[in-house]
Amino acid sequence: MPPRRRFARLLPLLLVLFACNPDKPASKTPAAAAPQHLTDDLGRSLTVPANPRRIMGLAPSATEMLFAVADTATIVARTQVCDYPAAALRKPVISSYPLDMERLVALHPDIIFTVEGITSPDDAARLEKFGIPVYYQRFEKVEDVFTGLLTIGQILHREPQARRLTDSLRAELRAVTAPASAAVAPRVLAITWQDPIYVYGQNTLFTDKIRLAGGQNAVTEKFAQPYPALTREYILKLNPDMLIGGSFEKLDSSFFRKYPELRRIGAYQSRHVFGITGNLMERPGPRVVESVRELRRLVQASAASVVAPR
């Protein structure tokens, strides 16, 4: 029998013997990727799967961030107030207030992203008892929003997407915040509620946004609450150059009718009272530069009448 044919006939036996050889090194099964041990912006420790495949935001801004950075197929749901982008509206809805714990747990998310002050610590603790980690983000500066986007990219292994987005946003912000021509930055009071009068305090993202827009927060005192309730006397003392919270016509027939003494403030006298896009103002998400751009247009409309610091 030719040697080649003889070898071909022996080959199956040789393979069996080789497989049974005790000296053969054991095959190694690839080890599962280690989970991620993270610390969120509130200093809380949490453990997240190595490759999160089911994710959700419990705040509108978190949902916007996820749609901007994540593989959108991994986003399992949205809350009843998450209305942007349009693609979010196609996701199942989970009530965030009160939190529909049963439906949320049934979705088995690998990680939930939220914002300080939106999701209660008690709800987060309950979710974590079910093995669902909750990652809190905190935003005090516009730069914190960019950092938050990059953090989401790192956790979800979408760093290139997050980096491209933040590089683009930073470039846009540089263009928006070119030096203003006005020598004096208008003092801006932004109200969030009329009765009582709640405003954006010094320790909010608004302070940084209005600075970048060329103005300054009229509230310079730091209160314990980020959105303090102010008295009419306090607002008269502030005497803001500009008021945000609704159009002049709208507030003249509601806010200033209720508090007629506030018609003495500079913002009313100069009619520098403006409405603003609510979901831009309120959400520290990827549209933050758009919010600064909107504020800058309003600040420039008011700046000409501000001639000297007080």
Protein backbone atom coordinates (compact mmCIF):
# COMPACT_ATOMS: atom_id res chain seq x y z
CA MET A 1 0.00 0.00 0.00
CA PRO A 2 1.47 3.41 -0.91
CA PRO A 3 2.71 5.37 2.12
CA ARG A 4 0.31 8.24 1.45
CA ARG A 5 -2.75 5.99 1.49
CA ARG A 6 -1.48 4.17 4.57
CA PHE A 7 -1.16 7.48 6.41
CA ALA A 8 -4.64 8.52 5.36
CA ARG A 9 -6.08 5.30 6.82
CA LEU A 10 -4.18 5.77 10.09
CA LEU A 11 -5.04 9.46 10.47
CA PRO A 12 -8.41 8.97 12.31
CA LEU A 13 -6.73 6.63 14.82
CA LEU A 14 -3.90 9.10 15.40
CA LEU A 15 -6.39 11.88 16.04
CA VAL A 16 -8.24 9.79 18.64
CA LEU A 17 -4.98 8.88 20.37
CA PHE A 18 -3.88 12.51 20.38
CA ALA A 19 -7.18 13.60 21.89
CA CYS A 20 -6.81 11.03 24.66
CA ASN A 21 -3.18 11.84 25.39
CA PRO A 22 -2.99 12.86 29.08
CA ASP A 23 0.09 14.95 28.37
CA LYS A 24 -1.81 17.24 26.04
CA PRO A 25 -2.38 20.69 27.61
CA ALA A 26 -6.01 21.23 28.66
CA SER A 27 -7.95 23.55 26.41
CA LYS A 28 -8.69 26.90 28.04
CA THR A 29 -12.22 28.32 28.06
CA PRO A 30 -12.15 32.11 27.65
CA ALA A 31 -12.85 33.73 31.02
CA ALA A 32 -15.95 35.86 31.29
CA ALA A 33 -15.22 39.59 31.23
CA ALA A 34 -15.01 41.04 34.71
CA PRO A 35 -17.86 43.30 35.84
CA GLN A 36 -17.28 47.02 36.07
CA HIS A 37 -16.87 48.49 39.54
CA LEU A 38 -17.91 52.12 39.30
CA THR A 39 -18.36 55.21 41.45
CA ASP A 40 -21.08 57.60 40.31
CA ASP A 41 -21.14 61.39 40.66
CA LEU A 42 -22.62 61.15 44.15
CA GLY A 43 -19.77 58.93 45.33
CA ARG A 44 -21.92 55.80 45.38
CA SER A 45 -20.29 52.47 44.51
CA LEU A 46 -22.01 50.11 42.11
CA THR A 47 -21.21 47.05 40.05
CA VAL A 48 -22.28 46.86 36.42
CA PRO A 49 -21.98 44.00 33.92
CA ALA A 50 -18.90 44.14 31.74
CA ASN A 51 -21.00 44.74 28.64
CA PRO A 52 -24.39 46.28 29.50
CA ARG A 53 -26.95 45.19 26.95
CA ARG A 54 -30.15 46.52 28.53
CA ILE A 55 -30.11 50.15 29.63
CA MET A 56 -32.52 52.93 30.54
CA GLY A 57 -32.63 56.57 31.67
CA LEU A 58 -34.93 57.63 34.51
CA ALA A 59 -34.53 61.33 33.64
CA PRO A 60 -35.28 63.06 30.33
CA SER A 61 -31.70 64.31 30.08
CA ALA A 62 -30.35 60.80 30.70
CA THR A 63 -32.58 59.42 27.96
CA GLU A 64 -31.32 62.09 25.55
CA MET A 65 -27.74 61.20 26.44
CA LEU A 66 -28.33 57.51 25.85
CA PHE A 67 -29.89 58.13 22.45
CA ALA A 68 -26.92 60.33 21.57
CA VAL A 69 -24.24 57.84 22.60
CA ALA A 70 -25.57 54.30 23.07
CA ASP A 71 -26.66 51.63 20.65
CA THR A 72 -30.34 52.60 20.70
CA ALA A 73 -31.38 48.96 20.39
CA THR A 74 -30.11 48.46 23.96
CA ILE A 75 -32.45 51.14 25.39
CA VAL A 76 -35.34 49.15 26.84
CA ALA A 77 -37.76 51.93 27.85
CA ARG A 78 -38.33 55.60 28.59
CA THR A 79 -40.27 57.50 31.24
CA GLN A 80 -43.54 59.33 30.65
CA VAL A 81 -41.66 62.66 30.45
CA CYS A 82 -38.91 61.52 28.08
CA ASP A 83 -40.08 63.05 24.79
CA TYR A 84 -36.84 63.70 22.91
CA PRO A 85 -35.52 62.58 20.48
CA ALA A 86 -38.45 61.36 18.40
CA ALA A 87 -37.02 57.84 18.43
CA ALA A 88 -37.55 57.74 22.19
CA LEU A 89 -41.30 57.85 21.68
CA ARG A 90 -41.17 54.36 20.18
CA LYS A 91 -39.90 52.84 23.42
CA PRO A 92 -42.15 51.34 26.13
CA VAL A 93 -43.12 53.78 28.87
CA ILE A 94 -42.29 53.25 32.55
CA SER A 95 -43.74 55.72 35.04
CA SER A 96 -41.00 57.50 36.95
CA TYR A 97 -43.29 59.34 39.37
CA PRO A 98 -44.50 57.34 41.10
CA LEU A 99 -41.94 54.81 39.99
CA ASP A 100 -43.53 51.69 38.50
CA MET A 101 -41.13 49.34 40.23
CA GLU A 102 -42.81 46.13 39.08
CA ARG A 103 -42.71 46.95 35.37
CA LEU A 104 -39.21 48.33 35.60
CA VAL A 105 -37.81 45.26 37.35
CA ALA A 106 -39.53 43.04 34.77
CA LEU A 107 -37.41 44.69 32.05
CA HIS A 108 -34.19 43.45 33.73
CA PRO A 109 -32.04 46.48 32.86
CA ASP A 110 -28.29 46.03 33.35
CA ILE A 111 -27.92 49.66 34.41
CA ILE A 112 -30.13 52.69 34.90
CA PHE A 113 -28.85 56.25 34.46
CA THR A 114 -30.45 59.14 36.29
CA VAL A 115 -29.75 62.63 37.60
CA GLU A 116 -29.36 63.90 41.13
CA GLY A 117 -32.69 65.16 42.40
CA ILE A 118 -34.77 63.22 39.87
CA THR A 119 -34.75 59.66 41.26
CA SER A 120 -35.18 59.32 45.01
CA PRO A 121 -32.46 57.51 46.97
CA ASP A 122 -35.14 55.15 48.33
CA ASP A 123 -36.17 54.11 44.81
CA ALA A 124 -32.55 53.59 43.85
CA ALA A 125 -31.99 51.40 46.93
CA ARG A 126 -35.05 49.30 46.10
CA LEU A 127 -33.86 48.80 42.52
CA GLU A 128 -30.43 47.77 43.70
CA LYS A 129 -31.99 45.14 45.96
CA PHE A 130 -33.28 43.59 42.75
CA GLY A 131 -29.77 43.65 41.31
CA ILE A 132 -30.33 46.72 39.12
CA PRO A 133 -27.54 49.30 39.55
CA VAL A 134 -28.47 52.99 39.40
CA TYR A 135 -25.84 55.47 38.20
CA TYR A 136 -26.44 59.07 39.31
CA GLN A 137 -25.01 62.01 37.41
CA ARG A 138 -24.59 65.55 38.71
CA PHE A 139 -24.34 68.65 36.54
CA GLU A 140 -23.11 71.98 37.87
CA LYS A 141 -21.20 73.20 34.81
CA VAL A 142 -21.67 72.81 31.08
CA GLU A 143 -18.40 70.90 31.07
CA ASP A 144 -20.02 68.38 33.43
CA VAL A 145 -22.48 67.52 30.66
CA PHE A 146 -19.63 66.72 28.28
CA THR A 147 -17.96 64.64 30.98
CA GLY A 148 -21.25 62.82 31.60
CA LEU A 149 -21.54 61.91 27.93
CA LEU A 150 -18.00 60.57 27.93
CA THR A 151 -18.69 58.57 31.09
CA ILE A 152 -21.71 56.92 29.49
CA GLY A 153 -19.56 56.13 26.48
CA GLN A 154 -16.96 54.45 28.67
CA ILE A 155 -19.48 52.37 30.61
CA LEU A 156 -21.23 51.22 27.44
CA HIS A 157 -18.01 50.80 25.42
CA ARG A 158 -19.08 53.52 23.03
CA GLU A 159 -16.10 55.82 23.62
CA PRO A 160 -15.59 56.79 19.94
CA GLN A 161 -19.21 57.87 19.57
CA ALA A 162 -19.10 59.87 22.81
CA ARG A 163 -15.78 61.47 21.90
CA ARG A 164 -16.99 62.58 18.47
CA LEU A 165 -20.10 64.09 20.01
CA THR A 166 -18.33 65.97 22.80
CA ASP A 167 -15.62 67.26 20.44
CA SER A 168 -18.36 68.63 18.20
CA LEU A 169 -20.25 70.18 21.12
CA ARG A 170 -17.13 71.86 22.48
CA ALA A 171 -16.43 73.33 19.05
CA GLU A 172 -20.00 74.65 18.86
CA LEU A 173 -19.73 76.12 22.35
CA ARG A 174 -16.52 77.97 21.43
CA ALA A 175 -18.32 79.51 18.47
CA VAL A 176 -21.37 80.47 20.56
CA THR A 177 -19.38 82.04 23.38
CA ALA A 178 -17.30 84.47 21.34
CA PRO A 179 -16.54 87.60 23.41
CA ALA A 180 -19.60 89.77 23.93
CA SER A 181 -19.55 93.42 22.94
CA ALA A 182 -21.38 94.60 26.07
CA ALA A 183 -19.16 95.86 28.88
CA VAL A 184 -21.65 94.83 31.57
CA ALA A 185 -23.24 91.40 31.87
CA PRO A 186 -27.03 91.65 32.45
CA ARG A 187 -28.29 90.24 35.74
CA VAL A 188 -30.78 87.52 34.88
CA LEU A 189 -33.47 86.04 37.11
CA ALA A 190 -35.00 82.79 35.86
CA ILE A 191 -38.22 81.66 37.52
CA THR A 192 -39.47 78.08 37.54
CA TRP A 193 -42.74 78.54 39.45
CA GLN A 194 -44.95 81.51 40.28
CA ASP A 195 -46.64 80.70 43.58
CA PRO A 196 -44.44 80.58 45.55
CA ILE A 197 -41.77 82.17 43.37
CA TYR A 198 -39.12 79.51 42.76
CA VAL A 199 -36.02 80.45 40.79
CA TYR A 200 -32.81 78.97 39.45
CA GLY A 201 -30.33 79.44 42.27
CA GLN A 202 -26.61 80.11 42.15
CA ASN A 203 -25.74 76.42 42.53
CA THR A 204 -27.48 75.26 39.34
CA LEU A 205 -26.33 74.60 35.80
CA PHE A 206 -28.17 77.76 34.77
CA THR A 207 -25.49 79.91 36.44
CA ASP A 208 -22.79 78.51 34.17
CA LYS A 209 -24.99 78.62 31.07
CA ILE A 210 -25.95 82.25 31.57
CA ARG A 211 -22.29 83.13 32.18
CA LEU A 212 -21.32 81.49 28.92
CA ALA A 213 -24.17 83.37 27.25
CA GLY A 214 -22.75 86.70 28.42
CA GLY A 215 -24.97 87.33 31.43
CA GLN A 216 -24.90 86.55 35.13
CA ASN A 217 -27.33 84.96 37.55
CA ALA A 218 -29.05 87.71 39.51
CA VAL A 219 -29.12 85.30 42.47
CA THR A 220 -25.60 85.49 43.84
CA GLU A 221 -26.33 84.05 47.27
CA LYS A 222 -26.00 80.27 47.62
CA PHE A 223 -29.07 78.78 49.22
CA ALA A 224 -29.36 75.28 50.63
CA GLN A 225 -31.87 74.45 47.89
CA PRO A 226 -30.73 74.74 44.27
CA TYR A 227 -34.14 76.21 43.35
CA PRO A 228 -34.97 78.51 46.26
CA ALA A 229 -38.28 80.27 46.87
CA LEU A 230 -37.76 84.04 46.94
CA THR A 231 -39.88 86.72 48.53
CA ARG A 232 -41.06 89.73 46.55
CA GLU A 233 -38.89 91.93 48.77
CA TYR A 234 -35.83 89.86 47.90
CA ILE A 235 -36.57 90.11 44.16
CA LEU A 236 -37.04 93.88 44.43
CA LYS A 237 -33.65 94.05 46.07
CA LEU A 238 -32.11 91.97 43.29
CA ASN A 239 -33.75 94.22 40.67
CA PRO A 240 -32.77 91.98 37.72
CA ASP A 241 -32.11 93.45 34.28
CA MET A 242 -33.74 90.48 32.60
CA LEU A 243 -36.40 87.96 33.62
CA ILE A 244 -36.86 84.49 32.13
CA GLY A 245 -40.04 82.52 32.65
CA GLY A 246 -42.50 83.53 29.96
CA SER A 247 -43.19 86.22 27.38
CA PHE A 248 -43.78 89.76 28.56
CA GLU A 249 -47.46 89.56 27.61
CA LYS A 250 -47.95 86.23 29.38
CA LEU A 251 -46.25 87.27 32.61
CA ASP A 252 -47.80 90.73 32.59
CA SER A 253 -51.22 89.12 32.73
CA SER A 254 -50.29 86.50 35.33
CA PHE A 255 -47.07 86.90 37.33
CA PHE A 256 -46.97 90.69 37.44
CA ARG A 257 -50.70 90.95 37.96
CA LYS A 258 -50.35 88.70 41.00
CA TYR A 259 -47.31 90.64 42.25
CA PRO A 260 -47.84 94.20 40.92
CA GLU A 261 -45.03 95.64 43.04
CA LEU A 262 -42.55 93.63 40.95
CA ARG A 263 -43.35 95.88 38.00
CA ARG A 264 -40.74 98.18 39.53
CA ILE A 265 -37.85 95.86 38.61
CA GLY A 266 -35.61 96.85 35.71
CA ALA A 267 -36.54 93.80 33.65
CA TYR A 268 -40.21 94.84 33.59
CA GLN A 269 -39.48 98.50 32.99
CA SER A 270 -37.35 97.68 29.94
CA ARG A 271 -39.68 94.84 28.87
CA HIS A 272 -36.76 92.41 28.96
CA VAL A 273 -39.01 89.55 30.00
CA PHE A 274 -38.66 86.42 27.88
CA GLY A 275 -40.01 82.95 27.44
CA ILE A 276 -37.56 80.18 26.75
CA THR A 277 -37.67 76.61 25.47
CA GLY A 278 -38.42 74.61 28.63
CA ASN A 279 -36.82 71.31 27.74
CA LEU A 280 -33.60 73.08 26.74
CA MET A 281 -33.47 75.08 29.94
CA GLU A 282 -34.30 72.17 32.21
CA ARG A 283 -32.31 69.30 30.71
CA PRO A 284 -28.53 68.96 31.10
CA GLY A 285 -28.21 66.84 27.97
CA PRO A 286 -26.54 66.90 24.56
CA ARG A 287 -28.58 69.98 23.58
CA VAL A 288 -26.91 72.09 26.26
CA VAL A 289 -25.06 74.19 23.68
CA GLU A 290 -28.36 74.90 21.95
CA SER A 291 -29.61 76.17 25.31
CA VAL A 292 -26.60 78.47 25.72
CA ARG A 293 -27.19 79.76 22.18
CA GLU A 294 -30.81 80.58 22.99
CA LEU A 295 -29.83 82.35 26.21
CA ARG A 296 -27.17 84.34 24.40
CA ARG A 297 -29.69 85.74 21.92
CA LEU A 298 -31.83 86.95 24.83
CA VAL A 299 -28.87 88.35 26.75
CA GLN A 300 -27.73 90.32 23.72
CA ALA A 301 -31.21 91.77 23.40
CA SER A 302 -30.95 93.07 26.98
CA ALA A 303 -27.28 93.98 27.20
CA ALA A 304 -27.53 97.33 25.42
CA SER A 305 -29.66 98.81 28.19
CA VAL A 306 -27.28 97.74 30.97
CA VAL A 307 -24.81 100.60 31.18
CA ALA A 308 -23.14 100.20 34.54
CA PRO A 309 -22.79 97.68 37.37
CA ARG A 310 -24.81 98.19 40.48
